[in-house]
Amino acid sequence: GEVVTESCVEVQEINEEDYLVIIRFTPTVPHCSLATLIGLCLRVKLQRCLPFKHKLEIYISEGTHSTEEDINKQINDKERVAAAMENPNLREIVEQCVLEPD
């Protein structure tokens, strides 16, 4: 199954220069331990790739994960995301995930 599909991405115009990008992804299994990591990778990748000013919200598709509320909070909390990215091991994994293939 696909983790992210096009129908899961929603872009709303906040004003002329600002957009709200909402992404919903489906973890591979309901207790997927990588769900937080997937969310983190999506966030980092999009922040680097989106050419316009945006606010990014990432959620787990409703009903697809046993702790979706906790994970949603975690991947949308700037301080917790920043703290996660300060962890060198985690950071390295995220960097590997978001690398552009040559």
C-alpha atoms as a PDB file:
ATOM      1  CA  GLY A   1       0.000   0.000   0.000  1.00  0.00           C
ATOM      2  CA  GLU A   2       1.095   3.546  -0.526  1.00  0.00           C
ATOM      3  CA  VAL A   3       1.931   5.633   2.490  1.00  0.00           C
ATOM      4  CA  VAL A   4       1.149   8.966   0.833  1.00  0.00           C
ATOM      5  CA  THR A   5      -1.172   9.386  -2.130  1.00  0.00           C
ATOM      6  CA  GLU A   6      -2.051  12.505  -4.037  1.00  0.00           C
ATOM      7  CA  SER A   7      -5.560  12.593  -2.618  1.00  0.00           C
ATOM      8  CA  CYS A   8      -4.053  12.987   0.854  1.00  0.00           C
ATOM      9  CA  VAL A   9      -2.502  16.339   0.072  1.00  0.00           C
ATOM     10  CA  GLU A  10      -4.555  19.457   0.500  1.00  0.00           C
ATOM     11  CA  VAL A  11      -3.373  22.992  -0.159  1.00  0.00           C
ATOM     12  CA  GLN A  12      -5.362  25.975   1.046  1.00  0.00           C
ATOM     13  CA  GLU A  13      -4.532  29.557   0.299  1.00  0.00           C
ATOM     14  CA  ILE A  14      -4.329  31.544   3.529  1.00  0.00           C
ATOM     15  CA  ASN A  15      -3.576  34.778   1.685  1.00  0.00           C
ATOM     16  CA  GLU A  16      -1.700  35.834  -1.427  1.00  0.00           C
ATOM     17  CA  GLU A  17       1.684  34.759  -0.159  1.00  0.00           C
ATOM     18  CA  ASP A  18       0.889  32.097   2.354  1.00  0.00           C
ATOM     19  CA  TYR A  19      -0.437  28.595   1.959  1.00  0.00           C
ATOM     20  CA  LEU A  20      -1.563  25.932   4.339  1.00  0.00           C
ATOM     21  CA  VAL A  21      -0.420  22.499   3.251  1.00  0.00           C
ATOM     22  CA  ILE A  22      -2.159  19.584   4.930  1.00  0.00           C
ATOM     23  CA  ILE A  23      -0.878  16.080   4.465  1.00  0.00           C
ATOM     24  CA  ARG A  24      -2.484  12.906   5.714  1.00  0.00           C
ATOM     25  CA  PHE A  25      -0.505   9.718   5.563  1.00  0.00           C
ATOM     26  CA  THR A  26      -1.342   6.120   6.299  1.00  0.00           C
ATOM     27  CA  PRO A  27       1.191   4.118   8.286  1.00  0.00           C
ATOM     28  CA  THR A  28       1.859   0.657   6.897  1.00  0.00           C
ATOM     29  CA  VAL A  29       0.448  -1.074  10.001  1.00  0.00           C
ATOM     30  CA  PRO A  30      -1.787   0.275  12.800  1.00  0.00           C
ATOM     31  CA  HIS A  31       0.970   0.087  15.409  1.00  0.00           C
ATOM     32  CA  CYS A  32       3.718   1.226  13.065  1.00  0.00           C
ATOM     33  CA  SER A  33       6.664   2.376  15.156  1.00  0.00           C
ATOM     34  CA  LEU A  34       7.968   4.390  12.236  1.00  0.00           C
ATOM     35  CA  ALA A  35       4.922   6.643  11.961  1.00  0.00           C
ATOM     36  CA  THR A  36       6.624   9.498  13.822  1.00  0.00           C
ATOM     37  CA  LEU A  37       9.707   9.113  11.655  1.00  0.00           C
ATOM     38  CA  ILE A  38       7.631   9.134   8.468  1.00  0.00           C
ATOM     39  CA  GLY A  39       5.937  12.329   9.639  1.00  0.00           C
ATOM     40  CA  LEU A  40       9.287  13.886  10.450  1.00  0.00           C
ATOM     41  CA  CYS A  41      10.728  12.970   7.046  1.00  0.00           C
ATOM     42  CA  LEU A  42       7.681  14.396   5.271  1.00  0.00           C
ATOM     43  CA  ARG A  43       8.025  17.633   7.225  1.00  0.00           C
ATOM     44  CA  VAL A  44      11.749  18.074   6.555  1.00  0.00           C
ATOM     45  CA  LYS A  45      11.448  17.144   2.891  1.00  0.00           C
ATOM     46  CA  LEU A  46       8.562  19.526   2.254  1.00  0.00           C
ATOM     47  CA  GLN A  47      10.112  22.401   4.154  1.00  0.00           C
ATOM     48  CA  ARG A  48      13.117  22.099   1.867  1.00  0.00           C
ATOM     49  CA  CYS A  49      11.243  21.562  -1.365  1.00  0.00           C
ATOM     50  CA  LEU A  50       8.237  23.843  -1.286  1.00  0.00           C
ATOM     51  CA  PRO A  51       9.076  27.053  -3.131  1.00  0.00           C
ATOM     52  CA  PHE A  52       6.395  29.146  -1.431  1.00  0.00           C
ATOM     53  CA  LYS A  53       5.749  30.351   2.087  1.00  0.00           C
ATOM     54  CA  HIS A  54       3.654  27.799   3.874  1.00  0.00           C
ATOM     55  CA  LYS A  55       2.359  26.403   7.094  1.00  0.00           C
ATOM     56  CA  LEU A  56       2.604  22.649   7.165  1.00  0.00           C
ATOM     57  CA  GLU A  57       0.295  20.312   9.023  1.00  0.00           C
ATOM     58  CA  ILE A  58       0.867  16.589   8.902  1.00  0.00           C
ATOM     59  CA  TYR A  59      -1.609  14.070  10.218  1.00  0.00           C
ATOM     60  CA  ILE A  60      -2.058  10.350  10.260  1.00  0.00           C
ATOM     61  CA  SER A  61      -5.150   9.308   8.312  1.00  0.00           C
ATOM     62  CA  GLU A  62      -7.950   8.856  10.812  1.00  0.00           C
ATOM     63  CA  GLY A  63      -8.299   5.393  12.243  1.00  0.00           C
ATOM     64  CA  THR A  64      -5.082   4.013  10.764  1.00  0.00           C
ATOM     65  CA  HIS A  65      -2.851   4.098  13.836  1.00  0.00           C
ATOM     66  CA  SER A  66      -3.295   3.082  17.444  1.00  0.00           C
ATOM     67  CA  THR A  67      -1.677   6.246  18.865  1.00  0.00           C
ATOM     68  CA  GLU A  68      -2.518   8.669  16.070  1.00  0.00           C
ATOM     69  CA  GLU A  69      -3.426  11.551  18.401  1.00  0.00           C
ATOM     70  CA  ASP A  70      -0.076  11.475  20.170  1.00  0.00           C
ATOM     71  CA  ILE A  71       1.820  11.228  16.923  1.00  0.00           C
ATOM     72  CA  ASN A  72      -0.158  14.052  15.317  1.00  0.00           C
ATOM     73  CA  LYS A  73       0.726  16.249  18.289  1.00  0.00           C
ATOM     74  CA  GLN A  74       4.352  15.290  18.105  1.00  0.00           C
ATOM     75  CA  ILE A  75       4.904  15.887  14.395  1.00  0.00           C
ATOM     76  CA  ASN A  76       3.108  19.248  14.459  1.00  0.00           C
ATOM     77  CA  ASP A  77       4.840  20.602  17.540  1.00  0.00           C
ATOM     78  CA  LYS A  78       7.747  22.803  16.434  1.00  0.00           C
ATOM     79  CA  GLU A  79       9.675  22.329  19.663  1.00  0.00           C
ATOM     80  CA  ARG A  80       9.328  18.570  19.633  1.00  0.00           C
ATOM     81  CA  VAL A  81      10.314  18.410  15.968  1.00  0.00           C
ATOM     82  CA  ALA A  82      13.349  20.599  16.657  1.00  0.00           C
ATOM     83  CA  ALA A  83      14.307  18.432  19.629  1.00  0.00           C
ATOM     84  CA  ALA A  84      13.986  15.287  17.530  1.00  0.00           C
ATOM     85  CA  MET A  85      16.199  16.792  14.848  1.00  0.00           C
ATOM     86  CA  GLU A  86      18.856  17.543  17.475  1.00  0.00           C
ATOM     87  CA  ASN A  87      19.224  13.837  18.086  1.00  0.00           C
ATOM     88  CA  PRO A  88      22.162  12.938  15.813  1.00  0.00           C
ATOM     89  CA  ASN A  89      21.011   9.359  15.186  1.00  0.00           C
ATOM     90  CA  LEU A  90      17.499  10.374  14.289  1.00  0.00           C
ATOM     91  CA  ARG A  91      18.740  13.277  12.222  1.00  0.00           C
ATOM     92  CA  GLU A  92      20.922  10.965  10.189  1.00  0.00           C
ATOM     93  CA  ILE A  93      17.987   8.655   9.458  1.00  0.00           C
ATOM     94  CA  VAL A  94      15.847  11.607   8.374  1.00  0.00           C
ATOM     95  CA  GLU A  95      18.647  12.951   6.168  1.00  0.00           C
ATOM     96  CA  GLN A  96      18.965   9.539   4.514  1.00  0.00           C
ATOM     97  CA  CYS A  97      15.215   9.473   3.905  1.00  0.00           C
ATOM     98  CA  VAL A  98      15.011  12.894   2.317  1.00  0.00           C
ATOM     99  CA  LEU A  99      18.119  12.643   0.149  1.00  0.00           C
ATOM    100  CA  GLU A 100      17.511  13.124  -3.531  1.00  0.00           C
ATOM    101  CA  PRO A 101      18.668  10.044  -5.405  1.00  0.00           C
ATOM    102  CA  ASP A 102      21.467  10.908  -7.823  1.00  0.00           C
END
